[in-house]
């Protein structure tokens, strides 16, 4: 798997046979009690150059993604997270 959050999401969508719906993302959100929110991959509707769009969270920058998992396997984790 590639190294950036954007690359991992693109791999899941385009090179892995569209398994993006099986992914789970944790992203930084100052409004959340824990500082993190969870987005199911099935909620992602668009992957842009600098942002991704979710049905539930709207448009978010990739740099806020802390972790990506698929079926219990960590595909991306931001260093220091």
PDB file of N, CA and C in Angstrom:
ATOM      1  N   UNK A   1       0.838  -1.193   0.000  1.00  0.00           N
ATOM      2  CA  UNK A   1       0.000   0.000   0.000  1.00  0.00           C
ATOM      3  C   UNK A   1       0.879   1.251   0.000  1.00  0.00           C
ATOM      4  N   UNK A   2       0.409   2.300  -0.634  1.00  0.00           N
ATOM      5  CA  UNK A   2       1.132   3.571  -0.688  1.00  0.00           C
ATOM      6  C   UNK A   2       1.213   4.253   0.673  1.00  0.00           C
ATOM      7  N   UNK A   3       1.903   5.402   0.717  1.00  0.00           N
ATOM      8  CA  UNK A   3       2.180   6.048   1.973  1.00  0.00           C
ATOM      9  C   UNK A   3       1.243   7.140   2.447  1.00  0.00           C
ATOM     10  N   UNK A   4       0.567   7.895   1.566  1.00  0.00           N
ATOM     11  CA  UNK A   4      -0.281   8.986   2.034  1.00  0.00           C
ATOM     12  C   UNK A   4      -1.737   8.530   2.130  1.00  0.00           C
ATOM     13  N   UNK A   5      -2.521   9.269   2.912  1.00  0.00           N
ATOM     14  CA  UNK A   5      -3.938   8.938   3.059  1.00  0.00           C
ATOM     15  C   UNK A   5      -4.646   8.992   1.701  1.00  0.00           C
ATOM     16  N   UNK A   6      -4.333  10.003   0.918  1.00  0.00           N
ATOM     17  CA  UNK A   6      -4.954  10.133  -0.406  1.00  0.00           C
ATOM     18  C   UNK A   6      -4.620   8.939  -1.297  1.00  0.00           C
ATOM     19  N   UNK A   7      -3.372   8.532  -1.292  1.00  0.00           N
ATOM     20  CA  UNK A   7      -2.954   7.390  -2.101  1.00  0.00           C
ATOM     21  C   UNK A   7      -3.658   6.114  -1.660  1.00  0.00           C
ATOM     22  N   UNK A   8      -3.797   5.913  -0.360  1.00  0.00           N
ATOM     23  CA  UNK A   8      -4.479   4.711   0.150  1.00  0.00           C
ATOM     24  C   UNK A   8      -5.937   4.701  -0.298  1.00  0.00           C
ATOM     25  N   UNK A   9      -6.618   5.826  -0.173  1.00  0.00           N
ATOM     26  CA  UNK A   9      -8.024   5.881  -0.589  1.00  0.00           C
ATOM     27  C   UNK A   9      -8.174   5.655  -2.089  1.00  0.00           C
ATOM     28  N   UNK A  10      -7.285   6.224  -2.879  1.00  0.00           N
ATOM     29  CA  UNK A  10      -7.336   5.996  -4.327  1.00  0.00           C
ATOM     30  C   UNK A  10      -7.051   4.545  -4.675  1.00  0.00           C
ATOM     31  N   UNK A  11      -6.106   3.931  -3.980  1.00  0.00           N
ATOM     32  CA  UNK A  11      -5.824   2.500  -4.195  1.00  0.00           C
ATOM     33  C   UNK A  11      -7.078   1.669  -3.923  1.00  0.00           C
ATOM     34  N   UNK A  12      -7.741   1.955  -2.815  1.00  0.00           N
ATOM     35  CA  UNK A  12      -8.949   1.205  -2.472  1.00  0.00           C
ATOM     36  C   UNK A  12     -10.047   1.393  -3.508  1.00  0.00           C
ATOM     37  N   UNK A  13     -10.189   2.600  -4.002  1.00  0.00           N
ATOM     38  CA  UNK A  13     -11.256   2.865  -4.977  1.00  0.00           C
ATOM     39  C   UNK A  13     -10.928   2.322  -6.366  1.00  0.00           C
ATOM     40  N   UNK A  14      -9.725   2.555  -6.863  1.00  0.00           N
ATOM     41  CA  UNK A  14      -9.431   2.271  -8.259  1.00  0.00           C
ATOM     42  C   UNK A  14      -8.632   1.012  -8.508  1.00  0.00           C
ATOM     43  N   UNK A  15      -7.700   0.647  -7.656  1.00  0.00           N
ATOM     44  CA  UNK A  15      -6.821  -0.493  -7.953  1.00  0.00           C
ATOM     45  C   UNK A  15      -7.186  -1.756  -7.196  1.00  0.00           C
ATOM     46  N   UNK A  16      -8.021  -1.629  -6.211  1.00  0.00           N
ATOM     47  CA  UNK A  16      -8.382  -2.788  -5.393  1.00  0.00           C
ATOM     48  C   UNK A  16      -9.780  -3.304  -5.720  1.00  0.00           C
ATOM     49  N   UNK A  17     -10.384  -2.830  -6.794  1.00  0.00           N
ATOM     50  CA  UNK A  17     -11.724  -3.291  -7.145  1.00  0.00           C
ATOM     51  C   UNK A  17     -12.816  -2.591  -6.368  1.00  0.00           C
ATOM     52  N   UNK A  18     -12.627  -1.346  -6.035  1.00  0.00           N
ATOM     53  CA  UNK A  18     -13.565  -0.494  -5.297  1.00  0.00           C
ATOM     54  C   UNK A  18     -13.962  -1.087  -3.951  1.00  0.00           C
ATOM     55  N   UNK A  19     -12.982  -1.198  -3.080  1.00  0.00           N
ATOM     56  CA  UNK A  19     -13.200  -1.646  -1.707  1.00  0.00           C
ATOM     57  C   UNK A  19     -13.244  -0.466  -0.736  1.00  0.00           C
ATOM     58  N   UNK A  20     -13.434   0.726  -1.267  1.00  0.00           N
ATOM     59  CA  UNK A  20     -13.479   1.917  -0.428  1.00  0.00           C
ATOM     60  C   UNK A  20     -14.592   1.814   0.614  1.00  0.00           C
ATOM     61  N   UNK A  21     -15.696   1.199   0.254  1.00  0.00           N
ATOM     62  CA  UNK A  21     -16.822   1.034   1.178  1.00  0.00           C
ATOM     63  C   UNK A  21     -16.506   0.176   2.381  1.00  0.00           C
ATOM     64  N   UNK A  22     -15.454  -0.615   2.317  1.00  0.00           N
ATOM     65  CA  UNK A  22     -15.051  -1.478   3.429  1.00  0.00           C
ATOM     66  C   UNK A  22     -14.100  -0.770   4.395  1.00  0.00           C
ATOM     67  N   UNK A  23     -13.686   0.432   4.048  1.00  0.00           N
ATOM     68  CA  UNK A  23     -12.708   1.165   4.865  1.00  0.00           C
ATOM     69  C   UNK A  23     -13.400   1.957   5.972  1.00  0.00           C
ATOM     70  N   UNK A  24     -12.623   2.275   6.992  1.00  0.00           N
ATOM     71  CA  UNK A  24     -13.047   3.157   8.071  1.00  0.00           C
ATOM     72  C   UNK A  24     -11.947   4.189   8.263  1.00  0.00           C
ATOM     73  N   UNK A  25     -12.326   5.461   8.347  1.00  0.00           N
ATOM     74  CA  UNK A  25     -11.365   6.555   8.510  1.00  0.00           C
ATOM     75  C   UNK A  25     -11.580   7.241   9.849  1.00  0.00           C
ATOM     76  N   UNK A  26     -10.494   7.613  10.480  1.00  0.00           N
ATOM     77  CA  UNK A  26     -10.524   8.457  11.679  1.00  0.00           C
ATOM     78  C   UNK A  26      -9.896   9.783  11.270  1.00  0.00           C
ATOM     79  N   UNK A  27     -10.592  10.880  11.535  1.00  0.00           N
ATOM     80  CA  UNK A  27     -10.036  12.184  11.182  1.00  0.00           C
ATOM     81  C   UNK A  27     -10.158  13.144  12.362  1.00  0.00           C
ATOM     82  N   UNK A  28      -9.256  14.103  12.398  1.00  0.00           N
ATOM     83  CA  UNK A  28      -9.245  15.100  13.475  1.00  0.00           C
ATOM     84  C   UNK A  28     -10.434  16.037  13.340  1.00  0.00           C
ATOM     85  N   UNK A  29     -11.118  16.235  14.486  1.00  0.00           N
ATOM     86  CA  UNK A  29     -12.251  17.140  14.531  1.00  0.00           C
ATOM     87  C   UNK A  29     -12.277  17.788  15.907  1.00  0.00           C
ATOM     88  N   UNK A  30     -11.969  19.079  15.961  1.00  0.00           N
ATOM     89  CA  UNK A  30     -11.915  19.786  17.248  1.00  0.00           C
ATOM     90  C   UNK A  30     -13.263  19.789  17.952  1.00  0.00           C
ATOM     91  N   UNK A  31     -14.345  19.621  17.220  1.00  0.00           N
ATOM     92  CA  UNK A  31     -15.677  19.621  17.810  1.00  0.00           C
ATOM     93  C   UNK A  31     -16.061  18.312  18.480  1.00  0.00           C
ATOM     94  N   UNK A  32     -15.315  17.249  18.215  1.00  0.00           N
ATOM     95  CA  UNK A  32     -15.604  15.941  18.820  1.00  0.00           C
ATOM     96  C   UNK A  32     -14.980  15.863  20.203  1.00  0.00           C
ATOM     97  N   UNK A  33     -15.657  15.191  21.121  1.00  0.00           N
ATOM     98  CA  UNK A  33     -15.165  15.077  22.502  1.00  0.00           C
ATOM     99  C   UNK A  33     -13.770  14.464  22.566  1.00  0.00           C
ATOM    100  N   UNK A  34     -13.524  13.444  21.759  1.00  0.00           N
ATOM    101  CA  UNK A  34     -12.217  12.767  21.762  1.00  0.00           C
ATOM    102  C   UNK A  34     -11.207  13.444  20.838  1.00  0.00           C
ATOM    103  N   UNK A  35     -11.675  14.396  20.027  1.00  0.00           N
ATOM    104  CA  UNK A  35     -10.808  15.043  19.051  1.00  0.00           C
ATOM    105  C   UNK A  35     -10.769  14.319  17.720  1.00  0.00           C
ATOM    106  N   UNK A  36     -11.449  13.158  17.642  1.00  0.00           N
ATOM    107  CA  UNK A  36     -11.499  12.374  16.403  1.00  0.00           C
ATOM    108  C   UNK A  36     -12.936  11.998  16.077  1.00  0.00           C
ATOM    109  N   UNK A  37     -13.227  11.911  14.794  1.00  0.00           N
ATOM    110  CA  UNK A  37     -14.510  11.382  14.317  1.00  0.00           C
ATOM    111  C   UNK A  37     -14.214  10.226  13.372  1.00  0.00           C
ATOM    112  N   UNK A  38     -15.190   9.357  13.232  1.00  0.00           N
ATOM    113  CA  UNK A  38     -15.055   8.190  12.363  1.00  0.00           C
ATOM    114  C   UNK A  38     -15.977   8.357  11.157  1.00  0.00           C
ATOM    115  N   UNK A  39     -15.443   8.060   9.972  1.00  0.00           N
ATOM    116  CA  UNK A  39     -16.226   8.098   8.742  1.00  0.00           C
ATOM    117  C   UNK A  39     -16.148   6.718   8.092  1.00  0.00           C
ATOM    118  N   UNK A  40     -17.284   6.084   7.832  1.00  0.00           N
ATOM    119  CA  UNK A  40     -17.263   4.838   7.064  1.00  0.00           C
ATOM    120  C   UNK A  40     -16.896   5.143   5.609  1.00  0.00           C
ATOM    121  N   UNK A  41     -16.109   4.297   5.007  1.00  0.00           N
ATOM    122  CA  UNK A  41     -15.708   4.508   3.619  1.00  0.00           C
ATOM    123  C   UNK A  41     -16.886   4.599   2.671  1.00  0.00           C
ATOM    124  N   UNK A  42     -17.988   3.932   3.012  1.00  0.00           N
ATOM    125  CA  UNK A  42     -19.183   3.968   2.168  1.00  0.00           C
ATOM    126  C   UNK A  42     -19.777   5.374   2.087  1.00  0.00           C
ATOM    127  N   UNK A  43     -19.442   6.256   3.041  1.00  0.00           N
ATOM    128  CA  UNK A  43     -19.937   7.632   3.029  1.00  0.00           C
ATOM    129  C   UNK A  43     -19.127   8.556   2.121  1.00  0.00           C
ATOM    130  N   UNK A  44     -17.969   8.104   1.651  1.00  0.00           N
ATOM    131  CA  UNK A  44     -17.126   8.946   0.801  1.00  0.00           C
ATOM    132  C   UNK A  44     -17.697   8.972  -0.609  1.00  0.00           C
ATOM    133  N   UNK A  45     -17.949  10.187  -1.096  1.00  0.00           N
ATOM    134  CA  UNK A  45     -18.554  10.333  -2.419  1.00  0.00           C
ATOM    135  C   UNK A  45     -17.594  10.888  -3.467  1.00  0.00           C
ATOM    136  N   UNK A  46     -16.491  11.517  -3.024  1.00  0.00           N
ATOM    137  CA  UNK A  46     -15.567  12.093  -3.995  1.00  0.00           C
ATOM    138  C   UNK A  46     -14.163  12.165  -3.406  1.00  0.00           C
ATOM    139  N   UNK A  47     -13.169  11.867  -4.235  1.00  0.00           N
ATOM    140  CA  UNK A  47     -11.761  11.996  -3.869  1.00  0.00           C
ATOM    141  C   UNK A  47     -11.143  13.026  -4.808  1.00  0.00           C
ATOM    142  N   UNK A  48     -10.851  14.185  -4.270  1.00  0.00           N
ATOM    143  CA  UNK A  48     -10.260  15.259  -5.066  1.00  0.00           C
ATOM    144  C   UNK A  48      -8.758  15.306  -4.818  1.00  0.00           C
ATOM    145  N   UNK A  49      -8.112  16.298  -5.389  1.00  0.00           N
ATOM    146  CA  UNK A  49      -6.661  16.418  -5.250  1.00  0.00           C
ATOM    147  C   UNK A  49      -6.229  16.704  -3.813  1.00  0.00           C
ATOM    148  N   UNK A  50      -6.897  17.631  -3.129  1.00  0.00           N
ATOM    149  CA  UNK A  50      -6.510  18.005  -1.763  1.00  0.00           C
ATOM    150  C   UNK A  50      -7.564  17.679  -0.720  1.00  0.00           C
ATOM    151  N   UNK A  51      -8.776  17.341  -1.167  1.00  0.00           N
ATOM    152  CA  UNK A  51      -9.894  17.102  -0.267  1.00  0.00           C
ATOM    153  C   UNK A  51     -10.627  15.829  -0.653  1.00  0.00           C
ATOM    154  N   UNK A  52     -11.386  15.293   0.322  1.00  0.00           N
ATOM    155  CA  UNK A  52     -12.330  14.236   0.018  1.00  0.00           C
ATOM    156  C   UNK A  52     -13.690  14.702   0.539  1.00  0.00           C
ATOM    157  N   UNK A  53     -14.757  14.197  -0.046  1.00  0.00           N
ATOM    158  CA  UNK A  53     -16.097  14.603   0.346  1.00  0.00           C
ATOM    159  C   UNK A  53     -16.853  13.395   0.875  1.00  0.00           C
ATOM    160  N   UNK A  54     -17.494  13.609   2.011  1.00  0.00           N
ATOM    161  CA  UNK A  54     -18.279  12.579   2.680  1.00  0.00           C
ATOM    162  C   UNK A  54     -19.719  13.044   2.796  1.00  0.00           C
ATOM    163  N   UNK A  55     -20.655  12.103   2.726  1.00  0.00           N
ATOM    164  CA  UNK A  55     -22.064  12.454   2.895  1.00  0.00           C
ATOM    165  C   UNK A  55     -22.328  13.045   4.275  1.00  0.00           C
ATOM    166  N   UNK A  56     -21.642  12.537   5.295  1.00  0.00           N
ATOM    167  CA  UNK A  56     -21.920  12.941   6.671  1.00  0.00           C
ATOM    168  C   UNK A  56     -21.071  14.114   7.154  1.00  0.00           C
ATOM    169  N   UNK A  57     -19.835  14.224   6.695  1.00  0.00           N
ATOM    170  CA  UNK A  57     -18.923  15.241   7.225  1.00  0.00           C
ATOM    171  C   UNK A  57     -18.644  16.380   6.250  1.00  0.00           C
ATOM    172  N   UNK A  58     -19.089  16.261   5.018  1.00  0.00           N
ATOM    173  CA  UNK A  58     -18.819  17.309   4.032  1.00  0.00           C
ATOM    174  C   UNK A  58     -17.438  17.169   3.408  1.00  0.00           C
ATOM    175  N   UNK A  59     -16.846  18.285   3.061  1.00  0.00           N
ATOM    176  CA  UNK A  59     -15.547  18.318   2.364  1.00  0.00           C
ATOM    177  C   UNK A  59     -14.433  18.521   3.384  1.00  0.00           C
ATOM    178  N   UNK A  60     -13.480  17.597   3.402  1.00  0.00           N
ATOM    179  CA  UNK A  60     -12.401  17.609   4.386  1.00  0.00           C
ATOM    180  C   UNK A  60     -11.043  17.444   3.712  1.00  0.00           C
ATOM    181  N   UNK A  61     -10.008  18.085   4.253  1.00  0.00           N
ATOM    182  CA  UNK A  61      -8.660  17.904   3.699  1.00  0.00           C
ATOM    183  C   UNK A  61      -8.067  16.570   4.149  1.00  0.00           C
ATOM    184  N   UNK A  62      -7.266  15.972   3.294  1.00  0.00           N
ATOM    185  CA  UNK A  62      -6.637  14.685   3.605  1.00  0.00           C
ATOM    186  C   UNK A  62      -5.728  14.759   4.832  1.00  0.00           C
ATOM    187  N   UNK A  63      -5.127  15.930   5.081  1.00  0.00           N
ATOM    188  CA  UNK A  63      -4.171  16.007   6.185  1.00  0.00           C
ATOM    189  C   UNK A  63      -4.831  15.805   7.548  1.00  0.00           C
ATOM    190  N   UNK A  64      -6.147  15.854   7.611  1.00  0.00           N
ATOM    191  CA  UNK A  64      -6.836  15.606   8.880  1.00  0.00           C
ATOM    192  C   UNK A  64      -7.054  14.123   9.155  1.00  0.00           C
ATOM    193  N   UNK A  65      -6.826  13.282   8.161  1.00  0.00           N
ATOM    194  CA  UNK A  65      -7.003  11.842   8.365  1.00  0.00           C
ATOM    195  C   UNK A  65      -5.868  11.318   9.239  1.00  0.00           C
ATOM    196  N   UNK A  66      -6.228  10.640  10.308  1.00  0.00           N
ATOM    197  CA  UNK A  66      -5.253  10.072  11.235  1.00  0.00           C
ATOM    198  C   UNK A  66      -5.015   8.588  10.989  1.00  0.00           C
ATOM    199  N   UNK A  67      -6.056   7.888  10.541  1.00  0.00           N
ATOM    200  CA  UNK A  67      -5.945   6.425  10.410  1.00  0.00           C
ATOM    201  C   UNK A  67      -6.960   5.928   9.385  1.00  0.00           C
ATOM    202  N   UNK A  68      -6.569   4.901   8.626  1.00  0.00           N
ATOM    203  CA  UNK A  68      -7.475   4.221   7.694  1.00  0.00           C
ATOM    204  C   UNK A  68      -7.320   2.725   7.922  1.00  0.00           C
ATOM    205  N   UNK A  69      -8.445   2.041   8.107  1.00  0.00           N
ATOM    206  CA  UNK A  69      -8.446   0.582   8.256  1.00  0.00           C
ATOM    207  C   UNK A  69      -9.388  -0.029   7.237  1.00  0.00           C
ATOM    208  N   UNK A  70      -9.105  -1.271   6.905  1.00  0.00           N
ATOM    209  CA  UNK A  70     -10.006  -2.074   6.078  1.00  0.00           C
ATOM    210  C   UNK A  70     -10.017  -3.473   6.659  1.00  0.00           C
ATOM    211  N   UNK A  71     -11.193  -3.920   7.057  1.00  0.00           N
ATOM    212  CA  UNK A  71     -11.361  -5.256   7.634  1.00  0.00           C
ATOM    213  C   UNK A  71     -10.392  -5.514   8.785  1.00  0.00           C
ATOM    214  N   UNK A  72     -10.191  -4.528   9.633  1.00  0.00           N
ATOM    215  CA  UNK A  72      -9.332  -4.676  10.800  1.00  0.00           C
ATOM    216  C   UNK A  72      -7.850  -4.515  10.545  1.00  0.00           C
ATOM    217  N   UNK A  73      -7.456  -4.273   9.292  1.00  0.00           N
ATOM    218  CA  UNK A  73      -6.053  -4.084   8.945  1.00  0.00           C
ATOM    219  C   UNK A  73      -5.776  -2.595   8.767  1.00  0.00           C
ATOM    220  N   UNK A  74      -4.760  -2.097   9.444  1.00  0.00           N
ATOM    221  CA  UNK A  74      -4.389  -0.686   9.328  1.00  0.00           C
ATOM    222  C   UNK A  74      -3.651  -0.477   8.007  1.00  0.00           C
ATOM    223  N   UNK A  75      -4.200   0.394   7.163  1.00  0.00           N
ATOM    224  CA  UNK A  75      -3.588   0.697   5.872  1.00  0.00           C
ATOM    225  C   UNK A  75      -2.805   2.001   5.901  1.00  0.00           C
ATOM    226  N   UNK A  76      -3.220   2.882   6.819  1.00  0.00           N
ATOM    227  CA  UNK A  76      -2.535   4.181   6.965  1.00  0.00           C
ATOM    228  C   UNK A  76      -2.657   4.622   8.412  1.00  0.00           C
ATOM    229  N   UNK A  77      -1.565   5.121   8.950  1.00  0.00           N
ATOM    230  CA  UNK A  77      -1.611   5.742  10.268  1.00  0.00           C
ATOM    231  C   UNK A  77      -0.601   6.868  10.274  1.00  0.00           C
ATOM    232  N   UNK A  78      -1.099   8.044  10.602  1.00  0.00           N
ATOM    233  CA  UNK A  78      -0.233   9.219  10.617  1.00  0.00           C
ATOM    234  C   UNK A  78       0.820   9.050  11.699  1.00  0.00           C
ATOM    235  N   UNK A  79       2.073   9.325  11.380  1.00  0.00           N
ATOM    236  CA  UNK A  79       3.142   9.220  12.392  1.00  0.00           C
ATOM    237  C   UNK A  79       2.824  10.105  13.599  1.00  0.00           C
ATOM    238  N   UNK A  80       3.032   9.564  14.765  1.00  0.00           N
ATOM    239  CA  UNK A  80       2.762  10.302  15.995  1.00  0.00           C
ATOM    240  C   UNK A  80       1.322  10.222  16.450  1.00  0.00           C
ATOM    241  N   UNK A  81       0.501   9.486  15.690  1.00  0.00           N
ATOM    242  CA  UNK A  81      -0.929   9.387  16.062  1.00  0.00           C
ATOM    243  C   UNK A  81      -1.121   8.403  17.194  1.00  0.00           C
TER     244      UNK A  81
END
